[in-house]
Every structure is written in C-alpha cells, then in structure tokens.
N, C-alpha and C. Protein backbone atom coordinates (compact mmCIF):
# COMPACT_ATOMS: atom_id res chain seq x y z
N MET A 1 29.72 -11.93 -3.63
CA MET A 1 28.74 -10.96 -2.95
C MET A 1 27.38 -11.50 -2.36
N GLU A 2 27.33 -11.42 -1.00
CA GLU A 2 25.98 -12.03 -0.51
C GLU A 2 24.73 -10.99 -0.41
N ARG A 3 23.76 -11.24 -1.11
CA ARG A 3 22.66 -10.24 -1.10
C ARG A 3 21.42 -10.74 -0.06
N SER A 4 21.20 -9.85 0.91
CA SER A 4 20.17 -10.29 1.69
C SER A 4 18.77 -9.68 1.08
N LEU A 5 17.53 -10.62 1.13
CA LEU A 5 16.53 -10.03 0.79
C LEU A 5 15.63 -9.41 1.96
N ASN A 6 14.87 -8.63 1.50
CA ASN A 6 14.15 -7.61 2.52
C ASN A 6 12.60 -7.97 2.04
N ASN A 7 12.14 -9.11 2.52
CA ASN A 7 10.84 -9.80 2.15
C ASN A 7 10.01 -9.39 3.31
N GLY A 8 8.73 -9.06 2.90
CA GLY A 8 7.78 -9.03 4.11
C GLY A 8 6.21 -9.14 3.47
N LEU A 9 5.53 -9.72 4.43
CA LEU A 9 3.96 -9.75 4.24
C LEU A 9 3.26 -9.02 5.27
N CYS A 10 2.37 -7.99 4.63
CA CYS A 10 1.50 -7.26 5.68
C CYS A 10 0.48 -8.10 6.27
N PRO A 11 0.40 -8.10 7.60
CA PRO A 11 -0.49 -8.90 8.13
C PRO A 11 -2.01 -8.15 8.13
N GLU A 12 -2.02 -6.89 7.56
CA GLU A 12 -3.34 -6.05 7.81
C GLU A 12 -4.07 -6.43 6.26
N CYS A 13 -3.18 -6.20 5.14
CA CYS A 13 -3.79 -6.20 3.69
C CYS A 13 -3.12 -7.59 2.86
N ASP A 14 -2.16 -8.27 3.37
CA ASP A 14 -1.45 -9.33 2.54
C ASP A 14 -0.54 -8.89 1.33
N ALA A 15 -0.29 -7.53 1.62
CA ALA A 15 0.61 -6.87 0.41
C ALA A 15 1.91 -7.57 0.56
N HIS A 16 2.53 -7.80 -0.56
CA HIS A 16 4.02 -8.53 -0.55
C HIS A 16 4.96 -7.56 -1.09
N TRP A 17 6.35 -7.88 -0.11
CA TRP A 17 7.44 -7.01 -0.36
C TRP A 17 8.40 -8.03 -0.77
N ILE A 18 9.01 -8.09 -1.66
CA ILE A 18 10.06 -8.81 -2.01
C ILE A 18 11.36 -7.98 -2.52
N ASP A 19 12.42 -8.48 -1.77
CA ASP A 19 13.77 -7.58 -2.04
C ASP A 19 13.43 -6.04 -1.67
N GLY A 20 12.43 -5.75 -0.98
CA GLY A 20 12.27 -4.20 -0.71
C GLY A 20 11.28 -3.39 -1.51
N GLN A 21 10.75 -4.29 -2.62
CA GLN A 21 9.82 -3.90 -3.66
C GLN A 21 8.47 -4.26 -3.70
N LEU A 22 7.43 -3.20 -3.45
CA LEU A 22 6.20 -3.71 -3.29
C LEU A 22 5.94 -4.29 -4.41
N TYR A 23 4.87 -5.69 -4.59
CA TYR A 23 3.99 -6.16 -5.61
C TYR A 23 2.64 -6.41 -5.60
N TRP A 24 1.72 -6.17 -6.38
CA TRP A 24 0.34 -6.10 -6.10
C TRP A 24 -0.06 -7.64 -6.40
N SER A 25 -1.11 -7.84 -6.11
CA SER A 25 -1.55 -9.43 -6.08
C SER A 25 -1.44 -9.81 -7.33
N ASN A 26 -1.31 -9.10 -8.53
CA ASN A 26 -1.48 -9.55 -9.81
C ASN A 26 0.17 -9.69 -10.33
N GLY A 27 0.93 -9.72 -9.30
CA GLY A 27 2.47 -9.75 -9.91
C GLY A 27 3.09 -8.52 -10.33
N LYS A 28 2.25 -7.64 -10.61
CA LYS A 28 2.95 -6.33 -10.93
C LYS A 28 3.70 -5.44 -9.80
N GLU A 29 4.51 -4.61 -10.18
CA GLU A 29 5.17 -3.94 -9.33
C GLU A 29 4.36 -2.61 -8.66
N GLY A 30 4.42 -2.43 -7.51
CA GLY A 30 3.39 -1.48 -7.06
C GLY A 30 4.33 -0.30 -6.30
N CYS A 31 3.75 0.80 -6.17
CA CYS A 31 4.11 1.93 -5.50
C CYS A 31 3.63 2.10 -4.01
N PRO A 32 4.64 1.90 -2.91
CA PRO A 32 3.99 1.90 -1.67
C PRO A 32 3.25 2.95 -1.24
N HIS A 33 3.46 4.35 -1.80
CA HIS A 33 2.63 5.67 -1.80
C HIS A 33 1.06 5.43 -2.02
N ASP A 34 1.05 4.71 -3.17
CA ASP A 34 -0.29 4.38 -3.74
C ASP A 34 -0.93 3.18 -2.73
N LEU A 35 -0.14 2.24 -2.23
CA LEU A 35 -0.83 1.43 -1.44
C LEU A 35 -1.53 1.98 -0.29
N ALA A 36 -0.61 2.96 0.12
CA ALA A 36 -0.87 3.77 1.57
C ALA A 36 -2.19 4.48 1.30
N GLY A 37 -2.33 5.16 0.20
CA GLY A 37 -3.69 6.14 -0.21
C GLY A 37 -4.81 5.27 -0.39
N LEU A 38 -4.63 4.00 -0.82
CA LEU A 38 -5.74 3.51 -1.25
C LEU A 38 -6.18 2.16 -0.35
N VAL A 39 -5.01 1.61 0.49
CA VAL A 39 -5.62 0.75 1.51
C VAL A 39 -5.11 0.92 2.83
N CYS A 40 -3.83 1.36 3.28
CA CYS A 40 -3.26 1.27 4.34
C CYS A 40 -3.95 2.42 5.30
N ASN A 41 -4.13 3.82 4.80
CA ASN A 41 -4.59 4.77 5.16
C ASN A 41 -6.02 4.40 5.73
N GLN A 42 -6.83 3.80 4.95
CA GLN A 42 -8.04 3.55 5.13
C GLN A 42 -8.32 2.64 6.34
N ILE A 43 -7.28 1.62 6.11
CA ILE A 43 -7.37 0.57 7.50
C ILE A 43 -6.81 1.19 8.78
N PHE A 44 -6.18 2.30 8.60
CA PHE A 44 -5.73 3.18 9.85
C PHE A 44 -6.85 3.95 10.29
N LYS A 45 -7.52 4.53 9.16
CA LYS A 45 -8.61 5.45 9.72
C LYS A 45 -9.63 5.00 10.18
N TYR A 46 -10.19 3.63 9.85
CA TYR A 46 -11.20 3.06 10.49
C TYR A 46 -11.17 1.98 11.60
N ASN A 47 -9.76 1.91 11.63
CA ASN A 47 -9.54 0.68 12.97
C ASN A 47 -9.41 1.52 14.11
N HIS A 48 -10.33 1.66 15.15
CA HIS A 48 -10.36 2.48 16.24
C HIS A 48 -9.61 1.72 17.45
N SER A 49 -9.28 0.58 17.09
CA SER A 49 -8.52 -0.35 18.51
C SER A 49 -7.18 0.07 18.70
N GLY A 50 -6.44 0.79 17.46
CA GLY A 50 -5.27 1.15 17.77
C GLY A 50 -4.35 -0.02 17.50
N GLY A 51 -4.89 -1.27 16.93
CA GLY A 51 -3.88 -2.40 16.54
C GLY A 51 -3.48 -2.41 15.35
N VAL A 52 -3.38 -1.23 14.84
CA VAL A 52 -2.84 -1.70 13.14
C VAL A 52 -1.41 -2.10 13.12
N LYS A 53 -1.21 -3.32 12.21
CA LYS A 53 -0.14 -3.83 12.27
C LYS A 53 0.64 -3.66 10.59
N CYS A 54 0.34 -2.47 9.94
CA CYS A 54 0.91 -2.43 8.56
C CYS A 54 2.20 -2.22 8.63
N ILE A 55 2.78 -2.84 7.72
CA ILE A 55 4.22 -2.65 7.75
C ILE A 55 4.82 -1.90 6.56
N ASN A 56 4.04 -1.18 5.71
CA ASN A 56 4.13 -0.27 4.81
C ASN A 56 4.73 0.84 5.29
N PRO A 57 6.05 1.19 4.84
CA PRO A 57 6.84 2.31 5.53
C PRO A 57 6.30 3.58 5.01
N CYS A 58 5.19 3.61 4.01
CA CYS A 58 5.04 4.62 3.56
C CYS A 58 3.58 5.11 4.14
N MET A 59 2.99 4.47 4.92
CA MET A 59 1.54 4.33 5.71
C MET A 59 1.30 5.73 6.26
N GLY A 60 0.52 6.61 6.00
CA GLY A 60 0.20 7.98 6.50
C GLY A 60 0.68 8.94 5.26
N SER A 61 1.09 8.43 4.18
CA SER A 61 1.60 9.32 2.97
C SER A 61 0.34 9.63 2.29
N ASP A 62 0.37 10.84 1.77
CA ASP A 62 -0.72 11.10 0.70
C ASP A 62 -0.35 11.52 -0.33
N SER A 63 0.98 10.94 -0.94
CA SER A 63 1.49 11.60 -2.26
C SER A 63 1.07 10.68 -3.20
N GLY A 64 0.59 9.50 -2.95
CA GLY A 64 0.17 8.55 -4.02
C GLY A 64 -1.18 8.46 -4.06
N GLN A 65 -1.75 7.46 -5.00
CA GLN A 65 -3.24 7.70 -5.30
C GLN A 65 -3.98 7.51 -4.21
N THR A 66 -5.06 7.95 -4.33
CA THR A 66 -6.27 7.74 -3.21
C THR A 66 -7.46 7.19 -4.07
N TRP A 67 -8.58 6.95 -3.46
CA TRP A 67 -10.05 6.68 -4.17
C TRP A 67 -10.48 7.73 -4.84
N LYS A 68 -10.10 8.89 -4.15
CA LYS A 68 -10.81 10.11 -4.60
C LYS A 68 -10.13 10.46 -6.08
N HIS A 69 -8.67 10.40 -5.98
CA HIS A 69 -8.17 10.43 -7.24
C HIS A 69 -8.46 9.44 -8.25
N ARG A 70 -8.72 8.29 -8.07
CA ARG A 70 -8.92 7.16 -9.12
C ARG A 70 -10.64 7.52 -9.58
N THR A 71 -11.58 8.18 -8.70
CA THR A 71 -12.96 8.08 -8.96
C THR A 71 -12.79 9.59 -10.04
N ASP A 72 -11.94 10.61 -9.77
CA ASP A 72 -11.90 11.71 -10.40
C ASP A 72 -11.30 11.32 -11.88
N LEU A 73 -10.38 10.54 -11.97
CA LEU A 73 -9.82 9.89 -13.26
C LEU A 73 -10.84 9.19 -14.22
N ASN A 74 -11.76 8.50 -13.32
CA ASN A 74 -12.87 7.66 -13.97
C ASN A 74 -13.71 8.59 -14.39
N ASN A 75 -14.28 9.71 -13.75
CA ASN A 75 -15.22 10.84 -13.93
C ASN A 75 -14.77 11.49 -15.36
N ASP A 76 -13.67 11.75 -15.44
CA ASP A 76 -12.96 12.57 -16.67
C ASP A 76 -12.96 11.61 -17.72
N ASN A 77 -12.64 10.35 -17.71
CA ASN A 77 -12.86 9.31 -18.93
C ASN A 77 -14.15 9.29 -19.40
N ASN A 78 -15.05 9.38 -18.70
CA ASN A 78 -16.40 9.09 -18.89
C ASN A 78 -17.19 10.40 -19.78
C-alpha cells in the first residue's frame, strides 16, 4: 500500500507539517489551533495588505491557546 505524505512549510511563519501533522520548531507535535491563536491569527490581524499566505487550515480558529491564555496561565502560577 502506497502512502502519500501531506507535507507543507508555511511561507508566513515556517511552521512545518509532516504527513498532515504540525510540528513545532523544537520537533514536538503541535496543535494547529494553538498555532492559529498564537501566530496565524496575529499575522492576519496585522497584515493589512491582504497578502497572507498562511497554510494552516485552522487559521481564524479561536479554540486553541492565545497569548491572553498563556499570560493568564503565567499570572495564575505566580
């Protein structure tokens, strides 16, 4: 059985997908919803030229982590 790989490299943030799975720069598996909340949505929000080339299928999602979420977690731990 032949298996096709669904690989991708986002031209906006260099996020890597291997066989459809997002991997962070440290090599750990990532959640595309977290990437959307932490990176993709911010790029889209501040890029007013309309030329965003993000390949994250979850761009626009707010179901993952955001910077506010991480800040709140840090504040709770201090």
